[in-house]
Protein backbone atom coordinates (compact mmCIF):
# COMPACT_ATOMS: atom_id res chain seq x y z
CA MET A 1 0.00 0.00 0.00
CA ILE A 2 1.28 3.44 -0.86
CA GLY A 3 1.36 5.82 2.10
CA VAL A 4 2.23 9.46 2.59
CA VAL A 5 4.08 11.22 5.36
CA TRP A 6 1.35 13.68 6.14
CA GLU A 7 -2.06 12.99 7.67
CA ASP A 8 -5.25 13.76 5.78
CA ARG A 9 -5.73 17.08 7.53
CA MET A 10 -2.17 18.10 6.61
CA LYS A 11 -2.84 17.12 3.03
CA VAL A 12 -5.72 19.57 2.88
CA CYS A 13 -3.55 22.25 4.46
CA MET A 14 -0.72 21.58 2.02
CA LEU A 15 -3.02 21.93 -0.95
CA ALA A 16 -4.30 25.26 0.32
CA ILE A 17 -0.80 26.58 0.94
CA ALA A 18 0.43 25.40 -2.45
CA ALA A 19 -2.50 27.09 -4.13
CA ALA A 20 -1.61 30.37 -2.46
CA ALA A 21 2.06 30.01 -3.31
CA LEU A 22 1.29 29.44 -6.96
CA ALA A 23 -0.67 32.70 -6.98
CA GLY A 24 -3.53 31.59 -9.10
CA LEU A 25 -1.65 29.00 -11.11
CA ALA A 26 -4.48 26.54 -10.65
CA SER A 27 -6.57 28.62 -13.02
CA ALA A 28 -3.86 28.62 -15.70
CA PRO A 29 -4.86 27.42 -19.18
CA THR A 30 -5.09 23.65 -19.44
CA VAL A 31 -5.39 21.16 -22.25
CA ALA A 32 -9.11 20.86 -21.66
CA SER A 33 -9.97 24.52 -21.18
CA SER A 34 -7.76 26.67 -23.35
CA GLN A 35 -5.80 27.13 -26.55
CA GLU A 36 -3.90 30.06 -25.02
CA LEU A 37 -0.78 29.42 -27.10
CA SER A 38 -2.44 28.64 -30.42
CA GLY A 39 -0.11 29.61 -33.24
CA LYS A 40 2.80 30.39 -30.90
CA THR A 41 6.13 28.63 -30.46
CA ILE A 42 7.69 27.74 -27.11
CA GLY A 43 11.35 26.80 -26.84
CA ILE A 44 12.76 24.21 -24.46
CA ALA A 45 16.53 24.58 -24.02
CA SER A 46 17.99 21.54 -22.28
CA ARG A 47 21.60 21.53 -21.14
CA GLU A 48 21.72 17.87 -22.15
CA ILE A 49 19.36 15.05 -23.06
CA THR A 50 21.09 11.93 -21.80
CA ASN A 51 18.78 10.14 -19.38
CA ASP A 52 15.17 9.59 -18.33
CA TYR A 53 15.31 12.69 -16.14
CA ASN A 54 16.09 14.99 -19.07
CA ARG A 55 13.66 13.32 -21.45
CA ASP A 56 10.76 13.25 -19.01
CA ILE A 57 11.04 16.94 -18.12
CA ILE A 58 10.74 17.67 -21.84
CA ALA A 59 7.88 15.20 -22.29
CA GLY A 60 5.95 16.61 -19.33
CA ALA A 61 6.31 20.15 -20.64
CA LYS A 62 5.47 19.27 -24.24
CA LYS A 63 2.26 17.52 -23.28
CA VAL A 64 0.93 20.66 -21.57
CA LEU A 65 2.26 23.13 -24.13
CA GLU A 66 1.03 21.25 -27.17
CA GLY A 67 -2.30 20.72 -25.45
CA ALA A 68 -2.53 24.48 -25.13
CA GLY A 69 -2.00 24.85 -28.87
CA ALA A 70 1.71 25.67 -28.97
CA LYS A 71 4.39 24.41 -31.28
CA VAL A 72 7.39 23.25 -29.25
CA THR A 73 11.05 23.50 -30.30
CA VAL A 74 13.57 21.51 -28.24
CA THR A 75 17.32 22.19 -28.23
CA ASP A 76 20.11 20.06 -26.76
CA GLY A 77 23.23 21.69 -25.35
CA GLY A 78 25.15 18.42 -25.28
CA ALA A 79 26.21 19.05 -21.64
CA ASP A 80 28.01 22.23 -22.76
CA PRO A 81 26.75 25.41 -20.97
CA ARG A 82 28.08 27.59 -23.79
CA LYS A 83 26.16 25.59 -26.37
CA GLN A 84 23.05 25.81 -24.19
CA ASN A 85 23.41 29.62 -24.11
CA GLU A 86 23.82 29.70 -27.88
CA ASN A 87 20.66 27.63 -28.24
CA ILE A 88 18.76 30.04 -25.98
CA GLU A 89 20.07 32.97 -28.02
CA SER A 90 18.76 31.32 -31.19
CA LEU A 91 15.35 30.83 -29.58
CA ILE A 92 15.26 34.50 -28.60
CA ASN A 93 16.21 35.55 -32.13
CA SER A 94 13.46 33.36 -33.56
CA LYS A 95 10.97 35.30 -31.37
CA VAL A 96 9.47 32.39 -29.48
CA ALA A 97 6.60 33.21 -27.11
CA GLY A 98 8.37 31.72 -24.09
CA ILE A 99 11.30 29.54 -23.05
CA ILE A 100 11.75 26.69 -20.58
CA ILE A 101 15.39 26.14 -19.64
CA SER A 102 16.27 22.70 -18.26
CA LEU A 103 19.35 22.55 -16.00
CA GLY A 104 22.15 25.07 -15.76
CA ASP A 105 23.72 27.57 -13.38
CA ALA A 106 21.68 30.56 -12.22
CA GLN A 107 24.59 33.01 -12.50
CA GLN A 108 25.70 31.67 -15.86
CA LEU A 109 22.15 31.85 -17.22
CA ALA A 110 21.33 35.31 -15.85
CA PRO A 111 22.67 37.38 -18.82
CA ILE A 112 20.84 35.34 -21.44
CA VAL A 113 17.64 35.25 -19.37
CA LYS A 114 17.88 39.04 -19.05
CA LYS A 115 18.17 39.29 -22.83
CA ALA A 116 15.02 37.17 -23.20
CA SER A 117 13.17 39.35 -20.70
CA GLU A 118 14.18 42.50 -22.53
CA ALA A 119 12.75 40.94 -25.70
CA GLY A 120 9.46 40.30 -23.89
CA ILE A 121 9.99 36.55 -23.71
CA PRO A 122 9.20 34.98 -20.31
CA VAL A 123 11.54 32.26 -19.05
CA VAL A 124 10.91 29.44 -16.60
CA THR A 125 13.85 27.30 -15.50
CA THR A 126 13.79 23.71 -14.30
CA SER A 127 16.29 21.98 -12.01
CA VAL A 128 18.64 24.94 -11.73
CA GLY A 129 18.25 24.83 -7.97
CA ALA A 130 17.69 28.55 -7.51
CA LYS A 131 15.76 31.32 -9.22
CA THR A 132 17.72 32.88 -12.03
CA GLU A 133 17.48 36.67 -12.05
CA GLY A 134 14.84 37.62 -14.60
CA ALA A 135 13.18 34.19 -14.70
CA VAL A 136 9.59 33.65 -13.61
CA ALA A 137 10.48 30.72 -11.32
CA ASP A 138 12.59 27.60 -11.01
CA VAL A 139 10.77 24.25 -10.92
CA GLY A 140 12.33 21.01 -9.70
CA GLY A 141 12.85 18.58 -6.88
CA ASP A 142 14.02 19.83 -3.50
CA ASP A 143 17.64 18.71 -3.85
CA ALA A 144 18.57 19.38 -0.24
CA LEU A 145 15.63 17.32 0.97
CA MET A 146 16.25 14.49 -1.50
CA SER A 147 19.95 14.30 -0.64
CA SER A 148 19.13 14.22 3.05
CA ILE A 149 16.82 11.23 2.51
CA MET A 150 19.23 9.34 0.27
CA SER A 151 22.33 10.11 2.32
CA ARG A 152 20.57 9.01 5.50
CA ALA A 153 19.64 5.69 3.90
CA LEU A 154 23.19 5.07 2.63
CA LEU A 155 24.99 6.03 5.84
CA SER A 156 22.55 4.01 7.91
CA SER A 157 23.21 0.95 5.73
CA ILE A 158 26.90 1.01 6.76
CA ASN A 159 26.14 1.80 10.41
CA TYR A 160 27.70 5.25 10.05
CA LYS A 161 31.29 4.07 9.70
CA GLY A 162 33.72 3.39 6.90
CA ASP A 163 35.12 4.98 3.75
CA VAL A 164 32.51 6.48 1.43
CA TYR A 165 33.45 7.49 -2.13
CA VAL A 166 31.46 10.41 -3.48
CA PHE A 167 30.88 10.66 -7.24
CA SER A 168 29.65 14.03 -8.47
CA VAL A 169 30.28 16.52 -11.27
CA PRO A 170 31.98 19.73 -10.10
CA GLY A 171 30.18 22.93 -10.97
CA ALA A 172 26.74 21.38 -11.51
CA PRO A 173 24.66 23.44 -9.03
CA ILE A 174 22.03 20.91 -7.99
CA LEU A 175 24.69 18.22 -7.66
CA GLU A 176 26.82 20.52 -5.53
CA THR A 177 23.80 21.05 -3.28
CA ARG A 178 23.26 17.32 -2.95
CA LYS A 179 26.92 16.80 -2.02
CA ARG A 180 26.92 19.60 0.56
CA ILE A 181 24.03 17.94 2.39
CA LEU A 182 25.95 14.65 2.53
CA GLN A 183 29.01 16.46 3.88
CA ALA A 184 27.00 18.22 6.57
CA MET A 185 25.37 14.97 7.63
CA ALA A 186 28.63 12.98 7.67
CA ALA A 187 30.26 15.63 9.87
CA ASP A 188 28.21 14.30 12.79
CA TYR A 189 29.72 10.82 12.47
CA PRO A 190 33.50 10.73 13.06
CA GLN A 191 33.83 7.12 11.88
CA ILE A 192 32.75 8.10 8.38
CA LYS A 193 35.44 9.27 5.97
CA LEU A 194 34.31 10.87 2.72
CA HIS A 195 36.49 10.66 -0.40
CA ASP A 196 35.56 13.12 -3.14
CA VAL A 197 35.74 11.64 -6.66
CA PRO A 198 35.20 14.45 -9.18
CA THR A 199 33.96 13.07 -12.48
CA GLU A 200 32.11 13.90 -15.70
CA HIS A 201 28.56 13.27 -16.92
CA SER A 202 29.70 9.84 -18.11
CA ALA A 203 28.86 6.41 -16.68
CA ALA A 204 31.85 5.00 -18.58
CA LYS A 205 34.18 7.49 -16.90
CA VAL A 206 32.77 6.58 -13.48
CA GLN A 207 33.18 2.88 -14.23
CA ALA A 208 36.86 3.38 -15.04
CA GLN A 209 37.36 5.45 -11.89
CA MET A 210 35.66 2.78 -9.78
CA GLU A 211 37.87 0.09 -11.31
CA ASP A 212 40.92 2.07 -10.17
CA LEU A 213 39.49 2.46 -6.67
CA LEU A 214 38.78 -1.25 -6.37
CA THR A 215 42.30 -2.08 -7.52
CA ALA A 216 43.73 0.29 -4.92
CA ASN A 217 41.41 -1.06 -2.21
CA PRO A 218 41.22 -4.84 -2.75
CA GLU A 219 40.28 -5.87 0.78
CA PRO A 220 36.58 -6.37 1.61
CA GLY A 221 35.51 -3.53 3.89
CA SER A 222 38.13 -1.13 2.57
CA ILE A 223 35.32 0.67 0.72
CA ALA A 224 32.08 0.82 2.69
CA ALA A 225 29.86 2.72 0.26
CA VAL A 226 29.54 4.76 -2.90
CA TRP A 227 27.39 7.90 -2.95
CA GLY A 228 26.22 8.95 -6.41
CA ALA A 229 24.85 12.35 -7.38
CA TYR A 230 22.34 10.69 -9.74
CA ASP A 231 21.38 7.24 -11.00
CA LEU A 232 22.84 7.17 -14.51
CA LEU A 233 26.13 8.64 -13.29
CA VAL A 234 26.66 6.00 -10.62
CA SER A 235 25.54 3.10 -12.84
CA GLY A 236 29.14 2.79 -13.99
CA ALA A 237 30.30 2.29 -10.41
CA VAL A 238 27.63 -0.35 -9.81
CA GLU A 239 28.74 -2.24 -12.92
CA SER A 240 32.37 -2.17 -11.78
CA ILE A 241 31.46 -3.36 -8.27
CA ARG A 242 29.45 -6.26 -9.68
CA ARG A 243 32.19 -7.32 -12.10
CA ASN A 244 34.71 -7.38 -9.25
CA ASN A 245 32.41 -9.34 -6.90
CA ARG A 246 32.44 -6.61 -4.27
CA SER A 247 28.75 -6.61 -3.46
CA GLU A 248 29.48 -5.76 0.18
CA ILE A 249 29.86 -2.15 -1.02
CA LYS A 250 26.60 -0.22 -0.69
CA VAL A 251 25.52 2.28 -3.37
CA ALA A 252 22.72 4.86 -3.49
CA SER A 253 21.78 7.90 -5.57
CA ILE A 254 18.91 10.13 -6.73
CA ASP A 255 16.37 10.28 -9.59
CA GLY A 256 14.47 6.99 -9.85
CA ASP A 257 15.36 6.59 -13.51
CA ARG A 258 14.66 3.24 -15.10
CA VAL A 259 18.36 2.46 -14.82
CA GLY A 260 18.05 3.22 -11.10
CA PHE A 261 15.27 0.67 -10.69
CA GLN A 262 17.18 -1.80 -12.85
CA MET A 263 20.11 -1.53 -10.42
CA LEU A 264 17.89 -1.60 -7.34
CA LEU A 265 15.85 -4.65 -8.30
CA ASP A 266 18.46 -6.80 -10.05
CA GLU A 267 19.64 -9.85 -8.17
CA ASP A 268 22.90 -9.40 -6.20
CA SER A 269 23.11 -5.69 -6.97
CA PRO A 270 25.00 -3.47 -4.49
CA PHE A 271 22.56 -0.65 -5.18
CA ILE A 272 20.29 -0.20 -2.16
CA ALA A 273 18.27 2.99 -2.65
CA THR A 274 17.30 5.82 -4.97
CA VAL A 275 15.20 8.90 -4.31
CA VAL A 276 12.50 8.92 -6.97
CA GLN A 277 11.33 12.22 -8.42
CA ASP A 278 8.03 12.92 -10.16
CA VAL A 279 10.01 14.15 -13.14
CA PRO A 280 7.20 14.54 -15.70
CA ARG A 281 5.50 16.86 -13.19
CA ILE A 282 8.59 19.10 -13.21
CA GLY A 283 8.04 19.63 -16.91
CA SER A 284 4.27 20.03 -16.73
CA LEU A 285 4.46 22.45 -13.79
CA ALA A 286 7.05 24.52 -15.64
CA ALA A 287 4.77 24.63 -18.68
CA GLU A 288 1.74 25.60 -16.57
CA THR A 289 3.76 28.37 -14.94
CA LEU A 290 4.88 29.69 -18.33
CA ILE A 291 1.34 29.59 -19.69
CA ALA A 292 0.08 31.46 -16.63
CA LYS A 293 2.74 34.13 -17.13
CA ILE A 294 1.88 34.54 -20.80
CA ALA A 295 -1.80 34.78 -19.82
CA GLY A 296 -1.03 37.73 -17.55
CA LYS A 297 -0.37 36.27 -14.11
CA SER A 298 2.24 38.30 -12.29
CA GLU A 299 3.07 36.67 -8.97
CA PHE A 300 4.79 33.32 -8.57
CA ALA A 301 6.80 31.57 -5.90
CA SER A 302 10.52 31.78 -6.74
CA THR A 303 10.92 28.01 -6.49
CA LEU A 304 8.28 25.33 -7.10
CA PHE A 305 8.83 21.74 -6.01
CA THR A 306 7.45 18.35 -6.96
CA ASP A 307 7.02 15.07 -5.04
CA ALA A 308 9.76 12.60 -4.19
CA TRP A 309 10.07 9.30 -2.32
CA LEU A 310 12.76 6.80 -1.33
CA ALA A 311 12.77 3.49 -3.21
CA THR A 312 14.41 0.54 -1.44
CA HIS A 313 14.29 -3.24 -1.67
CA ALA A 314 11.37 -3.20 0.79
CA ASN A 315 9.10 -0.99 -1.35
CA GLY A 316 10.67 -1.50 -4.76
CA VAL A 317 7.58 -2.91 -6.46
CA ALA A 318 5.23 -0.12 -5.38
CA SER A 319 7.87 2.53 -6.00
CA ALA A 320 8.59 1.33 -9.53
CA GLU A 321 4.93 1.09 -10.47
CA LYS A 322 4.15 4.50 -8.97
CA ARG A 323 6.88 6.14 -11.06
CA TRP A 324 6.74 4.14 -14.28
CA GLY A 325 3.34 2.42 -14.36
CA ALA A 326 2.25 -1.21 -14.22
CA ASP A 327 4.18 -2.10 -17.40
CA VAL A 328 7.50 -1.13 -15.79
CA TRP A 329 8.47 -4.81 -15.58
CA THR A 330 8.45 -5.08 -19.35
CA GLN A 331 10.48 -1.87 -19.58
CA LEU A 332 13.06 -3.19 -17.12
CA SER A 333 13.03 -6.80 -18.40
CA ILE A 334 12.59 -7.92 -14.79
CA GLN A 335 9.94 -10.32 -13.48
CA LYS A 336 7.82 -8.75 -10.76
CA ALA A 337 7.43 -12.13 -9.09
CA ASP A 338 11.22 -12.48 -8.88
CA VAL A 339 11.50 -9.15 -7.08
CA GLU A 340 8.75 -10.11 -4.66
CA SER A 341 10.50 -13.40 -3.93
CA ARG A 342 13.85 -11.70 -3.24
CA TRP A 343 12.60 -9.04 -0.87
CA LYS A 344 9.50 -8.90 1.26
CA GLN A 345 7.49 -5.92 0.07
CA ASP A 346 6.53 -4.58 3.47
CA GLY A 347 7.79 -1.01 3.13
CA GLU A 348 5.50 1.94 2.35
CA VAL A 349 6.14 4.51 -0.33
CA GLN A 350 6.37 7.67 1.76
CA VAL A 351 5.89 10.69 -0.46
CA VAL A 352 7.52 13.95 0.62
CA HIS A 353 6.75 17.43 -0.65
CA PRO A 354 8.09 20.76 0.66
CA ILE A 355 5.32 22.96 2.01
CA LEU A 356 5.86 26.57 1.03
CA PRO A 357 4.52 29.55 3.03
């Protein structure tokens, strides 16, 4: 059974608060009620399109925008911030009606967002982690909250002692936030030693780095855990751990991508947990916010957040189906019955959502 962390009366309160924070967003044009963007083009400028997270933000936004009558143009920065800025510049020059920017750095994006604003083009960002000056709002998961949940699960799994190797990409703002939360939490446990492993947005690169670490630390117990900034990134480490028969090493990360569930639910995998995000809702909420701005709404919360929950072996079946639907087992090429036989499914899916004033 899927549960939630708030009681029914708190759920009602949360809905009321969220409605106030969105400043009338609930009445924004919808697929069923409006063709607000008929004949207009909206641009979506993604820093990269490499995993389920990127693709589902785009898909969530496109569904709402196209339902409102818009034509949608998607650009891919190829993980290069300069290329992403060039793509945004091209969208501005083509006089789109609005832009959704997916990922990036608030300071790096500020000049190009200002240029869009000066051209009368509203901008909503997603997963930047902070409001970019000139943007309407930033929409995403609460990275501090998600990292706290995932880091707690990982550190608890090793009884708060041992060497933990931390894979993240320097300079990626939301990943830096996630890592800072881990560092703050680990500071309370003197038997934990964190080892920073700077890497790139490449599972292959991480796999090679993990191979080197395992070679340098051949004794069981010499590496207690691996902390990954996101699922696809750390999949390379999981593969290396499995190939070297070091399943005593615990691994966890964030996103709830299909690759994350593949790692979590596979037999003999060292991967123990992922924080699942309602990623399509990030895209749809960004689109609704943009539509509301174009329709004349003027007040928005600076940051808007979506739901998240921790997936573990104990709630893996419900977590996977909640995120990916009942046909997830075909998508993952995993038998549901096998998962249920490996781990008793007695854990609830506890959904968390920041409540904004």
